[in-house]
């Protein structure tokens, strides 16, 4: 199996897990009646969304770094 394919599958699994966790937190935030608990669900959900959005950015930045060949100029 190609290394890029393995990395893509791992990335897709991570994003899928984050989506599931975000959905679970949003559902729990709607169900729970305890005020301090509700105050926690919102920020944690936002944090997970920020992590999810950051994954593709990290992937492309790392890929660009790998393709840069120092010492050679066009």
PDB file of N, CA and C in Angstrom:
ATOM      1  N   UNK A   1       0.842  -1.173   0.000  1.00  0.00           N
ATOM      2  CA  UNK A   1       0.000   0.000   0.000  1.00  0.00           C
ATOM      3  C   UNK A   1       0.892   1.243   0.000  1.00  0.00           C
ATOM      4  N   UNK A   2       0.523   2.200  -0.751  1.00  0.00           N
ATOM      5  CA  UNK A   2       1.260   3.438  -0.885  1.00  0.00           C
ATOM      6  C   UNK A   2       1.246   4.228   0.431  1.00  0.00           C
ATOM      7  N   UNK A   3       2.358   4.865   0.740  1.00  0.00           N
ATOM      8  CA  UNK A   3       2.466   5.621   1.985  1.00  0.00           C
ATOM      9  C   UNK A   3       1.473   6.781   2.004  1.00  0.00           C
ATOM     10  N   UNK A   4       1.300   7.456   0.869  1.00  0.00           N
ATOM     11  CA  UNK A   4       0.347   8.565   0.806  1.00  0.00           C
ATOM     12  C   UNK A   4      -1.076   8.082   1.047  1.00  0.00           C
ATOM     13  N   UNK A   5      -1.405   6.909   0.540  1.00  0.00           N
ATOM     14  CA  UNK A   5      -2.732   6.350   0.747  1.00  0.00           C
ATOM     15  C   UNK A   5      -2.954   6.040   2.211  1.00  0.00           C
ATOM     16  N   UNK A   6      -1.953   5.486   2.876  1.00  0.00           N
ATOM     17  CA  UNK A   6      -2.060   5.197   4.310  1.00  0.00           C
ATOM     18  C   UNK A   6      -2.233   6.479   5.109  1.00  0.00           C
ATOM     19  N   UNK A   7      -1.468   7.504   4.762  1.00  0.00           N
ATOM     20  CA  UNK A   7      -1.583   8.776   5.465  1.00  0.00           C
ATOM     21  C   UNK A   7      -2.958   9.397   5.252  1.00  0.00           C
ATOM     22  N   UNK A   8      -3.487   9.299   4.037  1.00  0.00           N
ATOM     23  CA  UNK A   8      -4.807   9.849   3.745  1.00  0.00           C
ATOM     24  C   UNK A   8      -5.881   9.122   4.544  1.00  0.00           C
ATOM     25  N   UNK A   9      -5.785   7.792   4.632  1.00  0.00           N
ATOM     26  CA  UNK A   9      -6.759   7.022   5.405  1.00  0.00           C
ATOM     27  C   UNK A   9      -6.687   7.388   6.884  1.00  0.00           C
ATOM     28  N   UNK A  10      -5.471   7.535   7.406  1.00  0.00           N
ATOM     29  CA  UNK A  10      -5.290   7.909   8.811  1.00  0.00           C
ATOM     30  C   UNK A  10      -5.872   9.299   9.063  1.00  0.00           C
ATOM     31  N   UNK A  11      -5.629  10.225   8.139  1.00  0.00           N
ATOM     32  CA  UNK A  11      -6.151  11.587   8.261  1.00  0.00           C
ATOM     33  C   UNK A  11      -7.682  11.574   8.217  1.00  0.00           C
ATOM     34  N   UNK A  12      -8.254  10.793   7.305  1.00  0.00           N
ATOM     35  CA  UNK A  12      -9.709  10.699   7.209  1.00  0.00           C
ATOM     36  C   UNK A  12     -10.305  10.114   8.482  1.00  0.00           C
ATOM     37  N   UNK A  13      -9.640   9.112   9.059  1.00  0.00           N
ATOM     38  CA  UNK A  13     -10.115   8.518  10.309  1.00  0.00           C
ATOM     39  C   UNK A  13     -10.064   9.534  11.449  1.00  0.00           C
ATOM     40  N   UNK A  14      -9.000  10.323  11.504  1.00  0.00           N
ATOM     41  CA  UNK A  14      -8.883  11.339  12.546  1.00  0.00           C
ATOM     42  C   UNK A  14      -9.969  12.397  12.418  1.00  0.00           C
ATOM     43  N   UNK A  15     -10.209  12.849  11.209  1.00  0.00           N
ATOM     44  CA  UNK A  15     -11.242  13.868  10.991  1.00  0.00           C
ATOM     45  C   UNK A  15     -12.622  13.300  11.297  1.00  0.00           C
ATOM     46  N   UNK A  16     -12.852  12.055  10.933  1.00  0.00           N
ATOM     47  CA  UNK A  16     -14.123  11.411  11.235  1.00  0.00           C
ATOM     48  C   UNK A  16     -14.329  11.308  12.749  1.00  0.00           C
ATOM     49  N   UNK A  17     -13.272  10.954  13.479  1.00  0.00           N
ATOM     50  CA  UNK A  17     -13.363  10.872  14.939  1.00  0.00           C
ATOM     51  C   UNK A  17     -13.639  12.238  15.555  1.00  0.00           C
ATOM     52  N   UNK A  18     -13.000  13.268  15.038  1.00  0.00           N
ATOM     53  CA  UNK A  18     -13.254  14.622  15.535  1.00  0.00           C
ATOM     54  C   UNK A  18     -14.695  15.042  15.264  1.00  0.00           C
ATOM     55  N   UNK A  19     -15.207  14.733  14.077  1.00  0.00           N
ATOM     56  CA  UNK A  19     -16.601  15.065  13.761  1.00  0.00           C
ATOM     57  C   UNK A  19     -17.560  14.366  14.723  1.00  0.00           C
ATOM     58  N   UNK A  20     -17.288  13.113  15.026  1.00  0.00           N
ATOM     59  CA  UNK A  20     -18.125  12.363  15.945  1.00  0.00           C
ATOM     60  C   UNK A  20     -18.085  12.972  17.344  1.00  0.00           C
ATOM     61  N   UNK A  21     -16.898  13.347  17.808  1.00  0.00           N
ATOM     62  CA  UNK A  21     -16.762  13.964  19.130  1.00  0.00           C
ATOM     63  C   UNK A  21     -17.478  15.312  19.184  1.00  0.00           C
ATOM     64  N   UNK A  22     -17.379  16.098  18.123  1.00  0.00           N
ATOM     65  CA  UNK A  22     -18.050  17.401  18.076  1.00  0.00           C
ATOM     66  C   UNK A  22     -19.560  17.216  18.121  1.00  0.00           C
ATOM     67  N   UNK A  23     -20.070  16.268  17.353  1.00  0.00           N
ATOM     68  CA  UNK A  23     -21.513  16.000  17.355  1.00  0.00           C
ATOM     69  C   UNK A  23     -21.985  15.523  18.721  1.00  0.00           C
ATOM     70  N   UNK A  24     -21.194  14.671  19.367  1.00  0.00           N
ATOM     71  CA  UNK A  24     -21.563  14.169  20.692  1.00  0.00           C
ATOM     72  C   UNK A  24     -21.583  15.298  21.716  1.00  0.00           C
ATOM     73  N   UNK A  25     -20.610  16.188  21.654  1.00  0.00           N
ATOM     74  CA  UNK A  25     -20.586  17.324  22.582  1.00  0.00           C
ATOM     75  C   UNK A  25     -21.768  18.259  22.353  1.00  0.00           C
ATOM     76  N   UNK A  26     -22.100  18.513  21.102  1.00  0.00           N
ATOM     77  CA  UNK A  26     -23.249  19.373  20.805  1.00  0.00           C
ATOM     78  C   UNK A  26     -24.542  18.743  21.295  1.00  0.00           C
ATOM     79  N   UNK A  27     -24.687  17.447  21.121  1.00  0.00           N
ATOM     80  CA  UNK A  27     -25.869  16.739  21.600  1.00  0.00           C
ATOM     81  C   UNK A  27     -25.930  16.767  23.127  1.00  0.00           C
ATOM     82  N   UNK A  28     -24.811  16.489  23.775  1.00  0.00           N
ATOM     83  CA  UNK A  28     -24.772  16.496  25.242  1.00  0.00           C
ATOM     84  C   UNK A  28     -25.063  17.890  25.783  1.00  0.00           C
ATOM     85  N   UNK A  29     -24.557  18.919  25.111  1.00  0.00           N
ATOM     86  CA  UNK A  29     -24.819  20.288  25.540  1.00  0.00           C
ATOM     87  C   UNK A  29     -26.297  20.643  25.469  1.00  0.00           C
ATOM     88  N   UNK A  30     -27.002  20.062  24.542  1.00  0.00           N
ATOM     89  CA  UNK A  30     -28.431  20.311  24.419  1.00  0.00           C
ATOM     90  C   UNK A  30     -29.267  19.533  25.409  1.00  0.00           C
ATOM     91  N   UNK A  31     -28.746  18.409  25.871  1.00  0.00           N
ATOM     92  CA  UNK A  31     -29.501  17.542  26.775  1.00  0.00           C
ATOM     93  C   UNK A  31     -29.291  17.910  28.238  1.00  0.00           C
ATOM     94  N   UNK A  32     -28.072  18.248  28.609  1.00  0.00           N
ATOM     95  CA  UNK A  32     -27.722  18.476  30.004  1.00  0.00           C
ATOM     96  C   UNK A  32     -28.385  19.751  30.522  1.00  0.00           C
ATOM     97  N   UNK A  33     -28.911  19.671  31.752  1.00  0.00           N
ATOM     98  CA  UNK A  33     -29.551  20.826  32.376  1.00  0.00           C
ATOM     99  C   UNK A  33     -28.667  21.505  33.415  1.00  0.00           C
ATOM    100  N   UNK A  34     -27.480  20.972  33.650  1.00  0.00           N
ATOM    101  CA  UNK A  34     -26.579  21.543  34.644  1.00  0.00           C
ATOM    102  C   UNK A  34     -25.822  22.701  33.984  1.00  0.00           C
ATOM    103  N   UNK A  35     -25.967  23.886  34.536  1.00  0.00           N
ATOM    104  CA  UNK A  35     -25.400  25.096  33.932  1.00  0.00           C
ATOM    105  C   UNK A  35     -23.878  25.033  33.788  1.00  0.00           C
ATOM    106  N   UNK A  36     -23.113  24.638  34.840  1.00  0.00           N
ATOM    107  CA  UNK A  36     -21.652  24.584  34.655  1.00  0.00           C
ATOM    108  C   UNK A  36     -21.219  23.587  33.575  1.00  0.00           C
ATOM    109  N   UNK A  37     -21.949  22.496  33.447  1.00  0.00           N
ATOM    110  CA  UNK A  37     -21.615  21.510  32.414  1.00  0.00           C
ATOM    111  C   UNK A  37     -21.876  22.089  31.029  1.00  0.00           C
ATOM    112  N   UNK A  38     -22.974  22.823  30.870  1.00  0.00           N
ATOM    113  CA  UNK A  38     -23.271  23.455  29.579  1.00  0.00           C
ATOM    114  C   UNK A  38     -22.192  24.460  29.207  1.00  0.00           C
ATOM    115  N   UNK A  39     -21.637  25.131  30.213  1.00  0.00           N
ATOM    116  CA  UNK A  39     -20.604  26.128  29.955  1.00  0.00           C
ATOM    117  C   UNK A  39     -19.322  25.487  29.427  1.00  0.00           C
ATOM    118  N   UNK A  40     -19.130  24.215  29.697  1.00  0.00           N
ATOM    119  CA  UNK A  40     -17.910  23.517  29.256  1.00  0.00           C
ATOM    120  C   UNK A  40     -18.067  22.974  27.837  1.00  0.00           C
ATOM    121  N   UNK A  41     -19.246  22.494  27.501  1.00  0.00           N
ATOM    122  CA  UNK A  41     -19.439  21.840  26.202  1.00  0.00           C
ATOM    123  C   UNK A  41     -19.174  22.769  25.023  1.00  0.00           C
ATOM    124  N   UNK A  42     -19.576  24.016  25.110  1.00  0.00           N
ATOM    125  CA  UNK A  42     -19.401  24.958  24.006  1.00  0.00           C
ATOM    126  C   UNK A  42     -17.938  25.207  23.654  1.00  0.00           C
ATOM    127  N   UNK A  43     -17.118  25.637  24.626  1.00  0.00           N
ATOM    128  CA  UNK A  43     -15.707  25.888  24.309  1.00  0.00           C
ATOM    129  C   UNK A  43     -14.949  24.644  23.854  1.00  0.00           C
ATOM    130  N   UNK A  44     -15.261  23.499  24.438  1.00  0.00           N
ATOM    131  CA  UNK A  44     -14.576  22.266  24.031  1.00  0.00           C
ATOM    132  C   UNK A  44     -14.940  21.920  22.591  1.00  0.00           C
ATOM    133  N   UNK A  45     -16.187  22.113  22.239  1.00  0.00           N
ATOM    134  CA  UNK A  45     -16.619  21.860  20.863  1.00  0.00           C
ATOM    135  C   UNK A  45     -15.904  22.803  19.895  1.00  0.00           C
ATOM    136  N   UNK A  46     -15.784  24.068  20.268  1.00  0.00           N
ATOM    137  CA  UNK A  46     -15.078  25.038  19.426  1.00  0.00           C
ATOM    138  C   UNK A  46     -13.607  24.652  19.268  1.00  0.00           C
ATOM    139  N   UNK A  47     -13.001  24.206  20.356  1.00  0.00           N
ATOM    140  CA  UNK A  47     -11.599  23.776  20.307  1.00  0.00           C
ATOM    141  C   UNK A  47     -11.416  22.592  19.357  1.00  0.00           C
ATOM    142  N   UNK A  48     -12.317  21.629  19.413  1.00  0.00           N
ATOM    143  CA  UNK A  48     -12.226  20.472  18.516  1.00  0.00           C
ATOM    144  C   UNK A  48     -12.417  20.897  17.052  1.00  0.00           C
ATOM    145  N   UNK A  49     -13.292  21.849  16.807  1.00  0.00           N
ATOM    146  CA  UNK A  49     -13.481  22.344  15.439  1.00  0.00           C
ATOM    147  C   UNK A  49     -12.203  23.011  14.950  1.00  0.00           C
ATOM    148  N   UNK A  50     -11.540  23.776  15.827  1.00  0.00           N
ATOM    149  CA  UNK A  50     -10.290  24.423  15.436  1.00  0.00           C
ATOM    150  C   UNK A  50      -9.219  23.390  15.121  1.00  0.00           C
ATOM    151  N   UNK A  51      -9.170  22.314  15.889  1.00  0.00           N
ATOM    152  CA  UNK A  51      -8.209  21.242  15.619  1.00  0.00           C
ATOM    153  C   UNK A  51      -8.533  20.578  14.287  1.00  0.00           C
ATOM    154  N   UNK A  52      -9.810  20.330  14.040  1.00  0.00           N
ATOM    155  CA  UNK A  52     -10.226  19.679  12.790  1.00  0.00           C
ATOM    156  C   UNK A  52      -9.859  20.534  11.582  1.00  0.00           C
ATOM    157  N   UNK A  53     -10.061  21.823  11.678  1.00  0.00           N
ATOM    158  CA  UNK A  53      -9.749  22.720  10.576  1.00  0.00           C
ATOM    159  C   UNK A  53      -8.242  22.815  10.377  1.00  0.00           C
ATOM    160  N   UNK A  54      -7.468  22.683  11.435  1.00  0.00           N
ATOM    161  CA  UNK A  54      -6.020  22.798  11.353  1.00  0.00           C
ATOM    162  C   UNK A  54      -5.337  21.618  10.692  1.00  0.00           C
ATOM    163  N   UNK A  55      -5.951  20.435  10.680  1.00  0.00           N
ATOM    164  CA  UNK A  55      -5.315  19.249  10.110  1.00  0.00           C
ATOM    165  C   UNK A  55      -4.928  19.423   8.642  1.00  0.00           C
ATOM    166  N   UNK A  56      -5.840  19.841   7.768  1.00  0.00           N
ATOM    167  CA  UNK A  56      -5.440  19.993   6.359  1.00  0.00           C
ATOM    168  C   UNK A  56      -4.339  21.034   6.178  1.00  0.00           C
ATOM    169  N   UNK A  57      -4.391  22.098   6.952  1.00  0.00           N
ATOM    170  CA  UNK A  57      -3.375  23.132   6.844  1.00  0.00           C
ATOM    171  C   UNK A  57      -2.005  22.575   7.205  1.00  0.00           C
ATOM    172  N   UNK A  58      -1.922  21.812   8.277  1.00  0.00           N
ATOM    173  CA  UNK A  58      -0.652  21.207   8.690  1.00  0.00           C
ATOM    174  C   UNK A  58      -0.149  20.258   7.610  1.00  0.00           C
ATOM    175  N   UNK A  59      -1.043  19.485   7.010  1.00  0.00           N
ATOM    176  CA  UNK A  59      -0.662  18.544   5.966  1.00  0.00           C
ATOM    177  C   UNK A  59      -0.011  19.259   4.790  1.00  0.00           C
ATOM    178  N   UNK A  60      -0.631  20.339   4.312  1.00  0.00           N
ATOM    179  CA  UNK A  60      -0.096  21.029   3.149  1.00  0.00           C
ATOM    180  C   UNK A  60       1.196  21.767   3.461  1.00  0.00           C
ATOM    181  N   UNK A  61       1.321  22.336   4.649  1.00  0.00           N
ATOM    182  CA  UNK A  61       2.558  23.016   5.019  1.00  0.00           C
ATOM    183  C   UNK A  61       3.699  22.007   5.091  1.00  0.00           C
ATOM    184  N   UNK A  62       3.473  20.855   5.713  1.00  0.00           N
ATOM    185  CA  UNK A  62       4.507  19.817   5.779  1.00  0.00           C
ATOM    186  C   UNK A  62       4.867  19.320   4.393  1.00  0.00           C
ATOM    187  N   UNK A  63       3.897  19.185   3.534  1.00  0.00           N
ATOM    188  CA  UNK A  63       4.156  18.716   2.176  1.00  0.00           C
ATOM    189  C   UNK A  63       5.002  19.736   1.404  1.00  0.00           C
ATOM    190  N   UNK A  64       4.692  21.013   1.572  1.00  0.00           N
ATOM    191  CA  UNK A  64       5.481  22.044   0.910  1.00  0.00           C
ATOM    192  C   UNK A  64       6.917  22.043   1.416  1.00  0.00           C
ATOM    193  N   UNK A  65       7.106  21.848   2.704  1.00  0.00           N
ATOM    194  CA  UNK A  65       8.457  21.783   3.259  1.00  0.00           C
ATOM    195  C   UNK A  65       9.236  20.619   2.679  1.00  0.00           C
ATOM    196  N   UNK A  66       8.558  19.492   2.469  1.00  0.00           N
ATOM    197  CA  UNK A  66       9.230  18.307   1.939  1.00  0.00           C
ATOM    198  C   UNK A  66       9.638  18.508   0.486  1.00  0.00           C
ATOM    199  N   UNK A  67       8.903  19.350  -0.235  1.00  0.00           N
ATOM    200  CA  UNK A  67       9.201  19.550  -1.647  1.00  0.00           C
ATOM    201  C   UNK A  67      10.230  20.656  -1.897  1.00  0.00           C
ATOM    202  N   UNK A  68      10.569  21.411  -0.873  1.00  0.00           N
ATOM    203  CA  UNK A  68      11.572  22.465  -1.027  1.00  0.00           C
ATOM    204  C   UNK A  68      12.955  21.820  -1.004  1.00  0.00           C
ATOM    205  N   UNK A  69      13.765  22.187  -1.960  1.00  0.00           N
ATOM    206  CA  UNK A  69      15.110  21.642  -2.040  1.00  0.00           C
ATOM    207  C   UNK A  69      16.103  22.794  -1.871  1.00  0.00           C
ATOM    208  N   UNK A  70      16.612  22.988  -0.660  1.00  0.00           N
ATOM    209  CA  UNK A  70      17.523  24.115  -0.457  1.00  0.00           C
ATOM    210  C   UNK A  70      18.818  23.959  -1.257  1.00  0.00           C
ATOM    211  N   UNK A  71      19.318  25.073  -1.725  1.00  0.00           N
ATOM    212  CA  UNK A  71      20.586  25.054  -2.467  1.00  0.00           C
ATOM    213  C   UNK A  71      20.408  25.069  -3.970  1.00  0.00           C
ATOM    214  N   UNK A  72      19.201  24.842  -4.439  1.00  0.00           N
ATOM    215  CA  UNK A  72      18.951  24.841  -5.868  1.00  0.00           C
ATOM    216  C   UNK A  72      18.048  26.012  -6.214  1.00  0.00           C
ATOM    217  N   UNK A  73      18.468  26.815  -7.157  1.00  0.00           N
ATOM    218  CA  UNK A  73      17.664  27.940  -7.578  1.00  0.00           C
ATOM    219  C   UNK A  73      17.243  27.758  -9.025  1.00  0.00           C
ATOM    220  N   UNK A  74      16.035  28.197  -9.332  1.00  0.00           N
ATOM    221  CA  UNK A  74      15.541  28.066 -10.714  1.00  0.00           C
ATOM    222  C   UNK A  74      16.193  29.068 -11.630  1.00  0.00           C
TER     223      UNK A  74
END
